[in-house]
C-alpha atoms as a PDB file:
ATOM      1  CA  GLN A   1     -29.198 -40.697  33.803  1.00  0.00           C
ATOM      2  CA  ILE A   2     -32.811 -39.957  32.884  1.00  0.00           C
ATOM      3  CA  MET A   3     -32.282 -36.229  33.563  1.00  0.00           C
ATOM      4  CA  LYS A   4     -29.186 -36.253  31.364  1.00  0.00           C
ATOM      5  CA  ASN A   5     -31.187 -37.787  28.505  1.00  0.00           C
ATOM      6  CA  ILE A   6     -33.938 -35.185  28.902  1.00  0.00           C
ATOM      7  CA  GLN A   7     -31.396 -32.351  28.828  1.00  0.00           C
ATOM      8  CA  SER A   8     -29.632 -33.790  25.811  1.00  0.00           C
ATOM      9  CA  ASN A   9     -32.943 -34.092  23.929  1.00  0.00           C
ATOM     10  CA  THR A  10     -34.226 -30.631  24.755  1.00  0.00           C
ATOM     11  CA  ALA A  11     -31.022 -28.674  24.193  1.00  0.00           C
ATOM     12  CA  PRO A  12     -30.917 -29.082  20.406  1.00  0.00           C
ATOM     13  CA  ARG A  13     -34.577 -28.050  20.163  1.00  0.00           C
ATOM     14  CA  SER A  14     -34.035 -24.742  21.963  1.00  0.00           C
ATOM     15  CA  GLN A  15     -30.913 -24.127  19.904  1.00  0.00           C
ATOM     16  CA  PHE A  16     -32.807 -24.654  16.647  1.00  0.00           C
ATOM     17  CA  THR A  17     -35.599 -22.307  17.763  1.00  0.00           C
ATOM     18  CA  ALA A  18     -33.136 -19.505  18.444  1.00  0.00           C
ATOM     19  CA  HIS A  19     -31.315 -20.096  15.165  1.00  0.00           C
ATOM     20  CA  SER A  20     -34.473 -20.262  13.047  1.00  0.00           C
ATOM     21  CA  SER A  21     -35.285 -16.628  13.745  1.00  0.00           C
ATOM     22  CA  GLN A  22     -32.270 -15.656  11.655  1.00  0.00           C
ATOM     23  CA  PHE A  23     -34.036 -16.948   8.552  1.00  0.00           C
ATOM     24  CA  THR A  24     -37.043 -14.626   8.900  1.00  0.00           C
ATOM     25  CA  ALA A  25     -37.381 -12.671   5.659  1.00  0.00           C
ATOM     26  CA  PRO A  26     -36.790  -8.931   6.228  1.00  0.00           C
ATOM     27  CA  SER A  27     -39.666  -6.647   5.347  1.00  0.00           C
ATOM     28  CA  SER A  28     -39.215  -4.861   2.024  1.00  0.00           C
ATOM     29  CA  PRO A  29     -38.928  -1.072   2.224  1.00  0.00           C
ATOM     30  CA  ILE A  30     -41.944   0.801   0.921  1.00  0.00           C
ATOM     31  CA  THR A  31     -41.006   2.877  -2.107  1.00  0.00           C
ATOM     32  CA  LYS A  32     -43.379   5.648  -3.086  1.00  0.00           C
ATOM     33  CA  LYS A  33     -43.400   7.075  -6.593  1.00  0.00           C
ATOM     34  CA  TRP A  34     -45.157   9.934  -8.358  1.00  0.00           C
ATOM     35  CA  TYR A  35     -48.155   9.290 -10.617  1.00  0.00           C
ATOM     36  CA  ALA A  36     -50.547  11.531 -12.531  1.00  0.00           C
ATOM     37  CA  ILE A  37     -54.295  11.096 -12.101  1.00  0.00           C
ATOM     38  CA  TYR A  38     -57.236  12.341 -14.117  1.00  0.00           C
ATOM     39  CA  VAL A  39     -59.725  14.224 -11.973  1.00  0.00           C
ATOM     40  CA  ARG A  40     -62.995  16.021 -12.458  1.00  0.00           C
ATOM     41  CA  SER A  41     -62.275  19.387 -14.084  1.00  0.00           C
ATOM     42  CA  ARG A  42     -62.846  22.496 -11.949  1.00  0.00           C
ATOM     43  CA  HIS A  43     -62.741  20.333  -8.807  1.00  0.00           C
ATOM     44  CA  GLU A  44     -58.968  19.964  -8.587  1.00  0.00           C
ATOM     45  CA  LYS A  45     -58.563  21.961  -5.356  1.00  0.00           C
ATOM     46  CA  VAL A  46     -61.304  20.070  -3.522  1.00  0.00           C
ATOM     47  CA  ILE A  47     -59.932  16.694  -4.606  1.00  0.00           C
ATOM     48  CA  ASP A  48     -56.415  17.745  -3.616  1.00  0.00           C
ATOM     49  CA  SER A  49     -57.686  18.604  -0.125  1.00  0.00           C
ATOM     50  CA  GLU A  50     -59.541  15.294   0.202  1.00  0.00           C
ATOM     51  CA  LEU A  51     -56.452  13.317  -0.770  1.00  0.00           C
ATOM     52  CA  ARG A  52     -54.388  15.162   1.816  1.00  0.00           C
ATOM     53  CA  LEU A  53     -56.992  14.456   4.491  1.00  0.00           C
ATOM     54  CA  LYS A  54     -56.490  10.770   3.716  1.00  0.00           C
ATOM     55  CA  GLY A  55     -52.776  11.160   4.344  1.00  0.00           C
ATOM     56  CA  ILE A  56     -51.907  10.858   0.658  1.00  0.00           C
ATOM     57  CA  GLU A  57     -49.126  13.094  -0.651  1.00  0.00           C
ATOM     58  CA  SER A  58     -50.703  15.160  -3.390  1.00  0.00           C
ATOM     59  CA  SER A  59     -49.435  17.946  -5.622  1.00  0.00           C
ATOM     60  CA  LEU A  60     -51.574  20.495  -7.467  1.00  0.00           C
ATOM     61  CA  PRO A  61     -49.383  22.973  -9.386  1.00  0.00           C
ATOM     62  CA  LEU A  62     -51.084  26.363  -9.569  1.00  0.00           C
ATOM     63  CA  MET A  63     -50.469  29.463 -11.648  1.00  0.00           C
ATOM     64  CA  THR A  64     -51.621  33.015 -11.092  1.00  0.00           C
ATOM     65  CA  THR A  65     -53.859  34.642 -13.651  1.00  0.00           C
ATOM     66  CA  ILE A  66     -56.006  37.760 -13.808  1.00  0.00           C
ATOM     67  CA  ARG A  67     -59.763  37.383 -14.028  1.00  0.00           C
ATOM     68  CA  GLN A  68     -61.866  40.213 -15.345  1.00  0.00           C
ATOM     69  CA  TRP A  69     -65.280  40.958 -13.876  1.00  0.00           C
ATOM     70  CA  SER A  70     -67.622  43.759 -14.909  1.00  0.00           C
ATOM     71  CA  ASP A  71     -66.459  45.996 -12.079  1.00  0.00           C
ATOM     72  CA  ARG A  72     -63.015  44.760 -11.158  1.00  0.00           C
ATOM     73  CA  ARG A  73     -59.950  42.670 -11.963  1.00  0.00           C
ATOM     74  CA  LYS A  74     -58.560  40.132  -9.553  1.00  0.00           C
ATOM     75  CA  LYS A  75     -55.581  37.798  -9.372  1.00  0.00           C
ATOM     76  CA  VAL A  76     -56.610  34.196  -8.842  1.00  0.00           C
ATOM     77  CA  GLU A  77     -54.776  30.884  -8.639  1.00  0.00           C
ATOM     78  CA  VAL A  78     -55.894  28.219 -11.096  1.00  0.00           C
ATOM     79  CA  PRO A  79     -54.572  24.718 -11.877  1.00  0.00           C
ATOM     80  CA  LEU A  80     -51.607  24.704 -14.221  1.00  0.00           C
ATOM     81  CA  PHE A  81     -52.854  21.453 -15.774  1.00  0.00           C
ATOM     82  CA  ARG A  82     -56.631  21.405 -15.782  1.00  0.00           C
ATOM     83  CA  GLY A  83     -58.052  17.993 -14.918  1.00  0.00           C
ATOM     84  CA  TYR A  84     -54.808  16.583 -13.484  1.00  0.00           C
ATOM     85  CA  LEU A  85     -53.327  16.007 -10.044  1.00  0.00           C
ATOM     86  CA  PHE A  86     -50.120  14.271  -8.986  1.00  0.00           C
ATOM     87  CA  VAL A  87     -49.842  11.792  -6.117  1.00  0.00           C
ATOM     88  CA  LYS A  88     -46.825  10.150  -4.504  1.00  0.00           C
ATOM     89  CA  ILE A  89     -47.894   6.732  -3.287  1.00  0.00           C
ATOM     90  CA  GLU A  90     -47.000   3.079  -2.889  1.00  0.00           C
ATOM     91  CA  LEU A  91     -49.111   1.800  -5.766  1.00  0.00           C
ATOM     92  CA  LYS A  92     -50.013  -1.608  -4.368  1.00  0.00           C
ATOM     93  CA  THR A  93     -51.294  -0.343  -1.030  1.00  0.00           C
ATOM     94  CA  GLU A  94     -52.631   3.144  -1.801  1.00  0.00           C
ATOM     95  CA  LYS A  95     -53.984   2.989  -5.358  1.00  0.00           C
ATOM     96  CA  LEU A  96     -57.476   1.941  -4.279  1.00  0.00           C
ATOM     97  CA  SER A  97     -57.691   4.718  -1.710  1.00  0.00           C
ATOM     98  CA  VAL A  98     -56.856   7.266  -4.410  1.00  0.00           C
ATOM     99  CA  LEU A  99     -59.433   5.858  -6.830  1.00  0.00           C
ATOM    100  CA  GLN A 100     -62.119   5.858  -4.135  1.00  0.00           C
ATOM    101  CA  THR A 101     -61.682   9.603  -3.613  1.00  0.00           C
ATOM    102  CA  ASN A 102     -64.668  11.505  -4.952  1.00  0.00           C
ATOM    103  CA  GLY A 103     -63.807  13.169  -8.259  1.00  0.00           C
ATOM    104  CA  VAL A 104     -60.834  10.964  -9.177  1.00  0.00           C
ATOM    105  CA  VAL A 105     -61.377   9.360 -12.585  1.00  0.00           C
ATOM    106  CA  LYS A 106     -58.322   7.164 -13.195  1.00  0.00           C
ATOM    107  CA  PHE A 107     -54.543   6.951 -13.170  1.00  0.00           C
ATOM    108  CA  VAL A 108     -52.724   8.083 -16.282  1.00  0.00           C
ATOM    109  CA  ASP A 109     -51.530   4.948 -18.057  1.00  0.00           C
ATOM    110  CA  PHE A 110     -49.893   3.761 -21.245  1.00  0.00           C
ATOM    111  CA  ASN A 111     -50.810   0.369 -22.681  1.00  0.00           C
ATOM    112  CA  ARG A 112     -52.666  -0.315 -19.412  1.00  0.00           C
ATOM    113  CA  ASN A 113     -49.545   0.313 -17.349  1.00  0.00           C
ATOM    114  CA  VAL A 114     -49.640   3.156 -14.853  1.00  0.00           C
ATOM    115  CA  VAL A 115     -47.015   5.733 -15.818  1.00  0.00           C
ATOM    116  CA  ILE A 116     -44.388   6.629 -13.212  1.00  0.00           C
ATOM    117  CA  ILE A 117     -43.269  10.253 -13.174  1.00  0.00           C
ATOM    118  CA  PRO A 118     -39.528  10.666 -12.461  1.00  0.00           C
ATOM    119  CA  GLU A 119     -38.746  12.322  -9.154  1.00  0.00           C
ATOM    120  CA  GLN A 120     -36.666  15.031 -10.858  1.00  0.00           C
ATOM    121  CA  GLN A 121     -39.612  16.115 -12.990  1.00  0.00           C
ATOM    122  CA  MET A 122     -41.720  16.782  -9.904  1.00  0.00           C
ATOM    123  CA  TYR A 123     -38.786  18.518  -8.240  1.00  0.00           C
ATOM    124  CA  TRP A 124     -38.332  20.965 -11.100  1.00  0.00           C
ATOM    125  CA  LEU A 125     -42.050  21.440 -11.575  1.00  0.00           C
ATOM    126  CA  ASN A 126     -42.292  22.533  -7.929  1.00  0.00           C
ATOM    127  CA  GLN A 127     -39.243  24.771  -8.389  1.00  0.00           C
ATOM    128  CA  MET A 128     -40.907  26.471 -11.343  1.00  0.00           C
ATOM    129  CA  VAL A 129     -44.108  27.031  -9.385  1.00  0.00           C
ATOM    130  CA  ASP A 130     -42.193  28.425  -6.405  1.00  0.00           C
ATOM    131  CA  SER A 131     -40.121  30.746  -8.606  1.00  0.00           C
ATOM    132  CA  LYS A 132     -43.130  33.036  -9.201  1.00  0.00           C
ATOM    133  CA  LEU A 133     -41.714  33.829 -12.642  1.00  0.00           C
ATOM    134  CA  GLY A 134     -45.011  33.599 -14.475  1.00  0.00           C
ATOM    135  CA  LEU A 135     -45.954  30.155 -15.719  1.00  0.00           C
ATOM    136  CA  HIS A 136     -48.001  29.205 -18.737  1.00  0.00           C
ATOM    137  CA  PRO A 137     -49.350  25.793 -19.802  1.00  0.00           C
ATOM    138  CA  GLU A 138     -48.127  24.489 -23.150  1.00  0.00           C
ATOM    139  CA  GLN A 139     -49.878  22.019 -25.446  1.00  0.00           C
ATOM    140  CA  ASN A 140     -47.062  21.617 -27.967  1.00  0.00           C
ATOM    141  CA  LEU A 141     -43.375  20.856 -27.594  1.00  0.00           C
ATOM    142  CA  PRO A 142     -41.258  23.335 -29.576  1.00  0.00           C
ATOM    143  CA  ILE A 143     -38.940  21.984 -32.244  1.00  0.00           C
ATOM    144  CA  GLY A 144     -35.306  22.725 -31.574  1.00  0.00           C
ATOM    145  CA  SER A 145     -32.278  21.979 -29.457  1.00  0.00           C
ATOM    146  CA  GLU A 146     -32.272  21.787 -25.702  1.00  0.00           C
ATOM    147  CA  VAL A 147     -30.887  24.555 -23.512  1.00  0.00           C
ATOM    148  CA  ASP A 148     -29.858  24.791 -19.866  1.00  0.00           C
ATOM    149  CA  VAL A 149     -30.624  27.599 -17.422  1.00  0.00           C
ATOM    150  CA  LEU A 150     -27.325  29.055 -16.181  1.00  0.00           C
ATOM    151  CA  VAL A 151     -28.379  31.461 -13.426  1.00  0.00           C
ATOM    152  CA  GLY A 152     -31.263  32.245 -11.113  1.00  0.00           C
ATOM    153  CA  PRO A 153     -33.626  30.053  -9.073  1.00  0.00           C
ATOM    154  CA  LEU A 154     -34.036  27.621 -11.988  1.00  0.00           C
ATOM    155  CA  ARG A 155     -30.339  27.109 -12.587  1.00  0.00           C
ATOM    156  CA  GLY A 156     -29.804  23.579 -13.925  1.00  0.00           C
ATOM    157  CA  LEU A 157     -33.253  23.265 -15.474  1.00  0.00           C
ATOM    158  CA  ARG A 158     -33.349  21.963 -19.038  1.00  0.00           C
ATOM    159  CA  GLY A 159     -35.948  22.597 -21.735  1.00  0.00           C
ATOM    160  CA  ARG A 160     -36.552  24.042 -25.183  1.00  0.00           C
ATOM    161  CA  VAL A 161     -36.916  27.632 -26.291  1.00  0.00           C
ATOM    162  CA  LYS A 162     -40.135  29.144 -27.561  1.00  0.00           C
ATOM    163  CA  GLN A 163     -40.040  32.715 -28.836  1.00  0.00           C
ATOM    164  CA  LYS A 164     -43.177  34.764 -29.284  1.00  0.00           C
ATOM    165  CA  ASN A 165     -43.578  38.528 -29.623  1.00  0.00           C
ATOM    166  CA  SER A 166     -39.849  39.033 -28.980  1.00  0.00           C
ATOM    167  CA  ARG A 167     -40.164  37.185 -25.662  1.00  0.00           C
ATOM    168  CA  THR A 168     -38.266  34.038 -24.756  1.00  0.00           C
ATOM    169  CA  ARG A 169     -39.933  31.230 -22.865  1.00  0.00           C
ATOM    170  CA  LEU A 170     -38.368  27.983 -21.697  1.00  0.00           C
ATOM    171  CA  VAL A 171     -40.715  25.056 -22.288  1.00  0.00           C
ATOM    172  CA  VAL A 172     -40.431  21.952 -20.112  1.00  0.00           C
ATOM    173  CA  TRP A 173     -42.356  18.913 -21.321  1.00  0.00           C
ATOM    174  CA  ILE A 174     -43.996  16.282 -19.108  1.00  0.00           C
ATOM    175  CA  ASP A 175     -44.350  13.099 -21.136  1.00  0.00           C
ATOM    176  CA  SER A 176     -46.874  11.358 -18.876  1.00  0.00           C
ATOM    177  CA  ILE A 177     -49.629  13.923 -19.497  1.00  0.00           C
ATOM    178  CA  MET A 178     -48.397  15.107 -22.915  1.00  0.00           C
ATOM    179  CA  GLN A 179     -48.380  18.702 -21.762  1.00  0.00           C
ATOM    180  CA  GLY A 180     -45.754  21.217 -20.814  1.00  0.00           C
ATOM    181  CA  VAL A 181     -45.164  24.340 -18.822  1.00  0.00           C
ATOM    182  CA  SER A 182     -43.187  27.404 -19.830  1.00  0.00           C
ATOM    183  CA  VAL A 183     -41.573  30.266 -17.991  1.00  0.00           C
ATOM    184  CA  GLU A 184     -40.325  33.575 -19.367  1.00  0.00           C
ATOM    185  CA  LEU A 185     -36.557  33.988 -19.089  1.00  0.00           C
ATOM    186  CA  ASP A 186     -33.878  36.276 -20.448  1.00  0.00           C
ATOM    187  CA  LEU A 187     -32.156  34.636 -23.400  1.00  0.00           C
ATOM    188  CA  ALA A 188     -28.821  35.560 -21.822  1.00  0.00           C
ATOM    189  CA  CYS A 189     -29.605  33.165 -18.963  1.00  0.00           C
ATOM    190  CA  LEU A 190     -29.699  30.169 -21.319  1.00  0.00           C
ATOM    191  CA  SER A 191     -26.989  28.081 -22.932  1.00  0.00           C
ATOM    192  CA  PRO A 192     -27.158  25.231 -25.478  1.00  0.00           C
ATOM    193  CA  THR A 193     -27.020  21.845 -23.806  1.00  0.00           C
ATOM    194  CA  SER A 194     -23.675  20.111 -24.081  1.00  0.00           C
ATOM    195  CA  PRO A 195     -23.809  16.939 -26.231  1.00  0.00           C
ATOM    196  CA  LYS A 196     -22.052  15.047 -23.412  1.00  0.00           C
ATOM    197  CA  THR A 197     -24.889  15.731 -20.974  1.00  0.00           C
ATOM    198  CA  ARG A 198     -27.808  15.732 -23.423  1.00  0.00           C
ATOM    199  CA  HIS A 199     -29.070  12.300 -22.397  1.00  0.00           C
ATOM    200  CA  ILE A 200     -28.334  12.508 -18.684  1.00  0.00           C
ATOM    201  CA  ARG A 201     -31.381  12.407 -16.426  1.00  0.00           C
ATOM    202  CA  SER A 202     -30.653  13.433 -12.865  1.00  0.00           C
ATOM    203  CA  ALA A 203     -32.294  15.334 -10.039  1.00  0.00           C
ATOM    204  CA  HIS A 204     -29.667  18.044 -10.503  1.00  0.00           C
ATOM    205  CA  THR A 205     -30.053  18.695 -14.218  1.00  0.00           C
ATOM    206  CA  GLY A 206     -33.827  18.513 -14.182  1.00  0.00           C
ATOM    207  CA  GLU A 207     -34.055  17.085 -17.671  1.00  0.00           C
ATOM    208  CA  TYR A 208     -37.610  16.401 -18.790  1.00  0.00           C
ATOM    209  CA  ILE A 209     -37.092  15.501 -22.404  1.00  0.00           C
ATOM    210  CA  VAL A 210     -35.766  12.166 -23.641  1.00  0.00           C
END
């Protein structure tokens, strides 16, 4: 009888222990997002390397330009946006590590809130860099309607047209750093953006401008 009482008292306890594990809160998935950071000018490449050594995903868009010396000319790669780098991190856990990197000044923010860069903007920025079509930094957003690229490696990209010296350049604006990048394209490759898709932001359309 005593053994029966012991078994009856212990059974519910073991049952509760097994059942309680079902109420353990699942761990939240870590979501990394892109952010722009101010860095020491002319040290972008070194800082980019240091961030990568820390295991931080970093992006430093480069463009090719020609430098003239007294005896020769040489093609060199320079930062597309001087004084800026882009990092893809989980802000809560990796922000401090980024800020502690030598040469990093601060995260780009607005009203003291760190600005998130949409994934599609970074996608198309990388596509433009990889296209080798000849990039140029832009400080002003052209006035005019949006156009879409119809053919070529940048098909689906959206921007605004800038014409200078009979040449057509497509300007893509990055709001977070208030700068843009342009690429020279044939006007025949562009088409006015349809009103139905003008306000769509997706990884496929590559829209940068709100």
